[in-house]
PDB file of N, CA and C in Angstrom:
ATOM      1  N   MET A   1      -5.946  24.922   1.933  1.00  0.00           N
ATOM      2  CA  MET A   1      -6.036  23.784   2.832  1.00  0.00           C
ATOM      3  C   MET A   1      -4.821  22.902   2.613  1.00  0.00           C
ATOM      4  N   ASN A   2      -4.092  22.614   3.661  1.00  0.00           N
ATOM      5  CA  ASN A   2      -2.936  21.748   3.578  1.00  0.00           C
ATOM      6  C   ASN A   2      -3.308  20.355   4.078  1.00  0.00           C
ATOM      7  N   ILE A   3      -3.028  19.355   3.257  1.00  0.00           N
ATOM      8  CA  ILE A   3      -3.255  17.984   3.691  1.00  0.00           C
ATOM      9  C   ILE A   3      -1.948  17.222   3.554  1.00  0.00           C
ATOM     10  N   THR A   4      -1.818  16.192   4.359  1.00  0.00           N
ATOM     11  CA  THR A   4      -0.609  15.381   4.321  1.00  0.00           C
ATOM     12  C   THR A   4      -0.702  14.375   3.178  1.00  0.00           C
ATOM     13  N   LEU A   5       0.437  13.781   2.869  1.00  0.00           N
ATOM     14  CA  LEU A   5       0.464  12.737   1.836  1.00  0.00           C
ATOM     15  C   LEU A   5      -0.475  11.596   2.224  1.00  0.00           C
ATOM     16  N   ARG A   6      -0.434  11.213   3.488  1.00  0.00           N
ATOM     17  CA  ARG A   6      -1.318  10.130   3.943  1.00  0.00           C
ATOM     18  C   ARG A   6      -2.782  10.486   3.693  1.00  0.00           C
ATOM     19  N   GLN A   7      -3.155  11.709   4.037  1.00  0.00           N
ATOM     20  CA  GLN A   7      -4.541  12.130   3.843  1.00  0.00           C
ATOM     21  C   GLN A   7      -4.914  12.128   2.362  1.00  0.00           C
ATOM     22  N   ALA A   8      -4.002  12.587   1.517  1.00  0.00           N
ATOM     23  CA  ALA A   8      -4.273  12.621   0.079  1.00  0.00           C
ATOM     24  C   ALA A   8      -4.471  11.216  -0.473  1.00  0.00           C
ATOM     25  N   ILE A   9      -3.636  10.280  -0.049  1.00  0.00           N
ATOM     26  CA  ILE A   9      -3.764   8.892  -0.509  1.00  0.00           C
ATOM     27  C   ILE A   9      -5.081   8.308  -0.010  1.00  0.00           C
ATOM     28  N   HIS A  10      -5.384   8.528   1.255  1.00  0.00           N
ATOM     29  CA  HIS A  10      -6.656   8.033   1.807  1.00  0.00           C
ATOM     30  C   HIS A  10      -7.831   8.565   0.988  1.00  0.00           C
ATOM     31  N   GLN A  11      -7.826   9.850   0.681  1.00  0.00           N
ATOM     32  CA  GLN A  11      -8.914  10.441  -0.093  1.00  0.00           C
ATOM     33  C   GLN A  11      -8.990   9.837  -1.495  1.00  0.00           C
ATOM     34  N   ARG A  12      -7.826   9.571  -2.085  1.00  0.00           N
ATOM     35  CA  ARG A  12      -7.795   9.044  -3.452  1.00  0.00           C
ATOM     36  C   ARG A  12      -8.407   7.648  -3.547  1.00  0.00           C
ATOM     37  N   VAL A  13      -8.221   6.829  -2.517  1.00  0.00           N
ATOM     38  CA  VAL A  13      -8.654   5.434  -2.604  1.00  0.00           C
ATOM     39  C   VAL A  13      -9.855   5.113  -1.729  1.00  0.00           C
ATOM     40  N   ASN A  14     -10.342   6.064  -0.986  1.00  0.00           N
ATOM     41  CA  ASN A  14     -11.393   5.831   0.006  1.00  0.00           C
ATOM     42  C   ASN A  14     -12.622   5.118  -0.558  1.00  0.00           C
ATOM     43  N   ASP A  15     -13.103   5.524  -1.685  1.00  0.00           N
ATOM     44  CA  ASP A  15     -14.358   4.967  -2.214  1.00  0.00           C
ATOM     45  C   ASP A  15     -14.151   3.922  -3.305  1.00  0.00           C
ATOM     46  N   LYS A  16     -12.933   3.408  -3.430  1.00  0.00           N
ATOM     47  CA  LYS A  16     -12.644   2.423  -4.474  1.00  0.00           C
ATOM     48  C   LYS A  16     -13.152   1.044  -4.067  1.00  0.00           C
ATOM     49  N   SER A  17     -13.561   0.272  -5.055  1.00  0.00           N
ATOM     50  CA  SER A  17     -13.946  -1.114  -4.826  1.00  0.00           C
ATOM     51  C   SER A  17     -12.674  -1.946  -4.654  1.00  0.00           C
ATOM     52  N   PRO A  18     -12.796  -3.170  -4.149  1.00  0.00           N
ATOM     53  CA  PRO A  18     -11.611  -4.032  -4.046  1.00  0.00           C
ATOM     54  C   PRO A  18     -10.891  -4.203  -5.386  1.00  0.00           C
ATOM     55  N   GLU A  19     -11.649  -4.320  -6.453  1.00  0.00           N
ATOM     56  CA  GLU A  19     -11.040  -4.476  -7.777  1.00  0.00           C
ATOM     57  C   GLU A  19     -10.271  -3.216  -8.180  1.00  0.00           C
ATOM     58  N   GLU A  20     -10.850  -2.061  -7.878  1.00  0.00           N
ATOM     59  CA  GLU A  20     -10.188  -0.796  -8.194  1.00  0.00           C
ATOM     60  C   GLU A  20      -8.931  -0.605  -7.340  1.00  0.00           C
ATOM     61  N   LEU A  21      -8.995  -1.019  -6.071  1.00  0.00           N
ATOM     62  CA  LEU A  21      -7.815  -0.931  -5.214  1.00  0.00           C
ATOM     63  C   LEU A  21      -6.689  -1.799  -5.761  1.00  0.00           C
ATOM     64  N   LYS A  22      -7.042  -2.998  -6.202  1.00  0.00           N
ATOM     65  CA  LYS A  22      -6.041  -3.900  -6.785  1.00  0.00           C
ATOM     66  C   LYS A  22      -5.424  -3.263  -8.021  1.00  0.00           C
ATOM     67  N   GLU A  23      -6.227  -2.633  -8.826  1.00  0.00           N
ATOM     68  CA  GLU A  23      -5.732  -1.966 -10.036  1.00  0.00           C
ATOM     69  C   GLU A  23      -4.788  -0.818  -9.686  1.00  0.00           C
ATOM     70  N   VAL A  24      -5.133  -0.044  -8.660  1.00  0.00           N
ATOM     71  CA  VAL A  24      -4.261   1.046  -8.216  1.00  0.00           C
ATOM     72  C   VAL A  24      -2.896   0.483  -7.817  1.00  0.00           C
ATOM     73  N   ILE A  25      -2.906  -0.596  -7.044  1.00  0.00           N
ATOM     74  CA  ILE A  25      -1.655  -1.212  -6.597  1.00  0.00           C
ATOM     75  C   ILE A  25      -0.864  -1.748  -7.781  1.00  0.00           C
ATOM     76  N   GLU A  26      -1.522  -2.509  -8.638  1.00  0.00           N
ATOM     77  CA  GLU A  26      -0.822  -3.109  -9.778  1.00  0.00           C
ATOM     78  C   GLU A  26      -0.278  -2.051 -10.737  1.00  0.00           C
ATOM     79  N   ASP A  27      -1.022  -0.984 -10.939  1.00  0.00           N
ATOM     80  CA  ASP A  27      -0.557   0.091 -11.814  1.00  0.00           C
ATOM     81  C   ASP A  27       0.637   0.833 -11.225  1.00  0.00           C
ATOM     82  N   SER A  28       0.721   0.857  -9.898  1.00  0.00           N
ATOM     83  CA  SER A  28       1.808   1.568  -9.228  1.00  0.00           C
ATOM     84  C   SER A  28       3.098   0.762  -9.170  1.00  0.00           C
ATOM     85  N   ILE A  29       2.973  -0.549  -9.088  1.00  0.00           N
ATOM     86  CA  ILE A  29       4.153  -1.407  -8.977  1.00  0.00           C
ATOM     87  C   ILE A  29       4.932  -1.376 -10.280  1.00  0.00           C
ATOM     88  N   GLY A  30       6.211  -1.109 -10.143  1.00  0.00           N
ATOM     89  CA  GLY A  30       7.078  -1.050 -11.313  1.00  0.00           C
ATOM     90  C   GLY A  30       6.930   0.234 -12.110  1.00  0.00           C
ATOM     91  N   GLY A  31       6.126   1.135 -11.610  1.00  0.00           N
ATOM     92  CA  GLY A  31       5.908   2.394 -12.305  1.00  0.00           C
ATOM     93  C   GLY A  31       6.926   3.435 -11.902  1.00  0.00           C
ATOM     94  N   GLU A  32       6.547   4.658 -12.057  1.00  0.00           N
ATOM     95  CA  GLU A  32       7.433   5.760 -11.726  1.00  0.00           C
ATOM     96  C   GLU A  32       7.700   5.794 -10.221  1.00  0.00           C
ATOM     97  N   GLU A  33       8.890   6.256  -9.861  1.00  0.00           N
ATOM     98  CA  GLU A  33       9.261   6.303  -8.449  1.00  0.00           C
ATOM     99  C   GLU A  33       8.376   7.235  -7.641  1.00  0.00           C
ATOM    100  N   LYS A  34       7.751   8.187  -8.296  1.00  0.00           N
ATOM    101  CA  LYS A  34       6.921   9.128  -7.545  1.00  0.00           C
ATOM    102  C   LYS A  34       5.692   8.463  -6.924  1.00  0.00           C
ATOM    103  N   VAL A  35       5.327   7.252  -7.373  1.00  0.00           N
ATOM    104  CA  VAL A  35       4.177   6.557  -6.787  1.00  0.00           C
ATOM    105  C   VAL A  35       4.561   5.710  -5.584  1.00  0.00           C
ATOM    106  N   LEU A  36       5.852   5.527  -5.344  1.00  0.00           N
ATOM    107  CA  LEU A  36       6.288   4.685  -4.231  1.00  0.00           C
ATOM    108  C   LEU A  36       5.788   5.166  -2.867  1.00  0.00           C
ATOM    109  N   PRO A  37       5.783   6.456  -2.580  1.00  0.00           N
ATOM    110  CA  PRO A  37       5.222   6.872  -1.285  1.00  0.00           C
ATOM    111  C   PRO A  37       3.754   6.467  -1.118  1.00  0.00           C
ATOM    112  N   GLY A  38       3.007   6.501  -2.190  1.00  0.00           N
ATOM    113  CA  GLY A  38       1.606   6.080  -2.121  1.00  0.00           C
ATOM    114  C   GLY A  38       1.476   4.612  -1.783  1.00  0.00           C
ATOM    115  N   LEU A  39       2.340   3.789  -2.379  1.00  0.00           N
ATOM    116  CA  LEU A  39       2.339   2.369  -2.043  1.00  0.00           C
ATOM    117  C   LEU A  39       2.717   2.169  -0.587  1.00  0.00           C
ATOM    118  N   GLY A  40       3.630   3.000  -0.113  1.00  0.00           N
ATOM    119  CA  GLY A  40       4.019   2.922   1.295  1.00  0.00           C
ATOM    120  C   GLY A  40       2.853   3.215   2.217  1.00  0.00           C
ATOM    121  N   VAL A  41       2.053   4.189   1.867  1.00  0.00           N
ATOM    122  CA  VAL A  41       0.876   4.531   2.679  1.00  0.00           C
ATOM    123  C   VAL A  41      -0.121   3.376   2.657  1.00  0.00           C
ATOM    124  N   LEU A  42      -0.327   2.781   1.486  1.00  0.00           N
ATOM    125  CA  LEU A  42      -1.245   1.649   1.399  1.00  0.00           C
ATOM    126  C   LEU A  42      -0.727   0.466   2.203  1.00  0.00           C
ATOM    127  N   PHE A  43       0.589   0.211   2.127  1.00  0.00           N
ATOM    128  CA  PHE A  43       1.177  -0.873   2.914  1.00  0.00           C
ATOM    129  C   PHE A  43       1.031  -0.593   4.411  1.00  0.00           C
ATOM    130  N   GLU A  44       1.209   0.652   4.800  1.00  0.00           N
ATOM    131  CA  GLU A  44       1.056   1.030   6.206  1.00  0.00           C
ATOM    132  C   GLU A  44      -0.349   0.683   6.700  1.00  0.00           C
ATOM    133  N   ILE A  45      -1.352   0.963   5.891  1.00  0.00           N
ATOM    134  CA  ILE A  45      -2.734   0.645   6.268  1.00  0.00           C
ATOM    135  C   ILE A  45      -2.910  -0.860   6.429  1.00  0.00           C
ATOM    136  N   ILE A  46      -2.382  -1.609   5.458  1.00  0.00           N
ATOM    137  CA  ILE A  46      -2.476  -3.073   5.528  1.00  0.00           C
ATOM    138  C   ILE A  46      -1.794  -3.569   6.799  1.00  0.00           C
ATOM    139  N   TRP A  47      -0.586  -3.097   7.050  1.00  0.00           N
ATOM    140  CA  TRP A  47       0.199  -3.545   8.199  1.00  0.00           C
ATOM    141  C   TRP A  47      -0.525  -3.241   9.510  1.00  0.00           C
ATOM    142  N   GLN A  48      -1.027  -2.031   9.641  1.00  0.00           N
ATOM    143  CA  GLN A  48      -1.674  -1.615  10.890  1.00  0.00           C
ATOM    144  C   GLN A  48      -2.946  -2.402  11.185  1.00  0.00           C
ATOM    145  N   HIS A  49      -3.564  -2.936  10.157  1.00  0.00           N
ATOM    146  CA  HIS A  49      -4.842  -3.624  10.345  1.00  0.00           C
ATOM    147  C   HIS A  49      -4.746  -5.125  10.093  1.00  0.00           C
ATOM    148  N   SER A  50      -3.520  -5.652  10.132  1.00  0.00           N
ATOM    149  CA  SER A  50      -3.302  -7.085   9.963  1.00  0.00           C
ATOM    150  C   SER A  50      -2.943  -7.724  11.299  1.00  0.00           C
ATOM    151  N   GLU A  51      -3.342  -8.965  11.429  1.00  0.00           N
ATOM    152  CA  GLU A  51      -2.969  -9.718  12.627  1.00  0.00           C
ATOM    153  C   GLU A  51      -1.482 -10.046  12.564  1.00  0.00           C
ATOM    154  N   ALA A  52      -0.925 -10.390  13.704  1.00  0.00           N
ATOM    155  CA  ALA A  52       0.506 -10.694  13.794  1.00  0.00           C
ATOM    156  C   ALA A  52       0.905 -11.819  12.835  1.00  0.00           C
ATOM    157  N   SER A  53       0.060 -12.807  12.663  1.00  0.00           N
ATOM    158  CA  SER A  53       0.390 -13.922  11.765  1.00  0.00           C
ATOM    159  C   SER A  53       0.474 -13.452  10.314  1.00  0.00           C
ATOM    160  N   THR A  54      -0.393 -12.545   9.923  1.00  0.00           N
ATOM    161  CA  THR A  54      -0.341 -11.989   8.573  1.00  0.00           C
ATOM    162  C   THR A  54       0.901 -11.134   8.401  1.00  0.00           C
ATOM    163  N   GLN A  55       1.235 -10.342   9.417  1.00  0.00           N
ATOM    164  CA  GLN A  55       2.459  -9.544   9.373  1.00  0.00           C
ATOM    165  C   GLN A  55       3.684 -10.447   9.225  1.00  0.00           C
ATOM    166  N   ASP A  56       3.699 -11.564   9.968  1.00  0.00           N
ATOM    167  CA  ASP A  56       4.810 -12.512   9.859  1.00  0.00           C
ATOM    168  C   ASP A  56       4.917 -13.072   8.447  1.00  0.00           C
ATOM    169  N   THR A  57       3.781 -13.390   7.838  1.00  0.00           N
ATOM    170  CA  THR A  57       3.767 -13.903   6.465  1.00  0.00           C
ATOM    171  C   THR A  57       4.288 -12.853   5.493  1.00  0.00           C
ATOM    172  N   LEU A  58       3.880 -11.620   5.666  1.00  0.00           N
ATOM    173  CA  LEU A  58       4.361 -10.540   4.800  1.00  0.00           C
ATOM    174  C   LEU A  58       5.874 -10.392   4.916  1.00  0.00           C
ATOM    175  N   VAL A  59       6.381 -10.426   6.144  1.00  0.00           N
ATOM    176  CA  VAL A  59       7.825 -10.298   6.357  1.00  0.00           C
ATOM    177  C   VAL A  59       8.561 -11.488   5.747  1.00  0.00           C
ATOM    178  N   GLU A  60       8.034 -12.687   5.912  1.00  0.00           N
ATOM    179  CA  GLU A  60       8.657 -13.884   5.332  1.00  0.00           C
ATOM    180  C   GLU A  60       8.679 -13.792   3.808  1.00  0.00           C
ATOM    181  N   THR A  61       7.593 -13.334   3.216  1.00  0.00           N
ATOM    182  CA  THR A  61       7.535 -13.169   1.763  1.00  0.00           C
ATOM    183  C   THR A  61       8.558 -12.150   1.303  1.00  0.00           C
ATOM    184  N   LEU A  62       8.629 -11.042   1.994  1.00  0.00           N
ATOM    185  CA  LEU A  62       9.607 -10.009   1.662  1.00  0.00           C
ATOM    186  C   LEU A  62      11.017 -10.552   1.762  1.00  0.00           C
ATOM    187  N   LYS A  63      11.332 -11.204   2.857  1.00  0.00           N
ATOM    188  CA  LYS A  63      12.680 -11.736   3.067  1.00  0.00           C
ATOM    189  C   LYS A  63      13.042 -12.752   1.988  1.00  0.00           C
ATOM    190  N   ALA A  64      12.106 -13.595   1.628  1.00  0.00           N
ATOM    191  CA  ALA A  64      12.357 -14.628   0.618  1.00  0.00           C
ATOM    192  C   ALA A  64      12.678 -14.034  -0.749  1.00  0.00           C
ATOM    193  N   HIS A  65      12.196 -12.841  -1.001  1.00  0.00           N
ATOM    194  CA  HIS A  65      12.392 -12.240  -2.319  1.00  0.00           C
ATOM    195  C   HIS A  65      13.459 -11.150  -2.345  1.00  0.00           C
ATOM    196  N   LEU A  66      14.105 -10.927  -1.204  1.00  0.00           N
ATOM    197  CA  LEU A  66      15.201  -9.982  -1.159  1.00  0.00           C
ATOM    198  C   LEU A  66      16.545 -10.634  -1.467  1.00  0.00           C
ATOM    199  N   THR A  67      16.596 -11.933  -1.335  1.00  0.00           N
ATOM    200  CA  THR A  67      17.869 -12.640  -1.556  1.00  0.00           C
ATOM    201  C   THR A  67      18.014 -13.109  -2.964  1.00  0.00           C
TER     202      THR A  67
END
């Protein structure tokens, strides 16, 4: 059975509690580069299900910390 990276990430975190999801994110940040695609998938989910105002806040936060 072939599954995509997105599907694998979804399966890995599907039944996690909010606390467990936070732990997954925090453990991945600053970790090995191989976890970065997983963070990208999680960010994609957040982005797709956020209102425009939340997306604007995320972009502003990102921009503020890139300089």
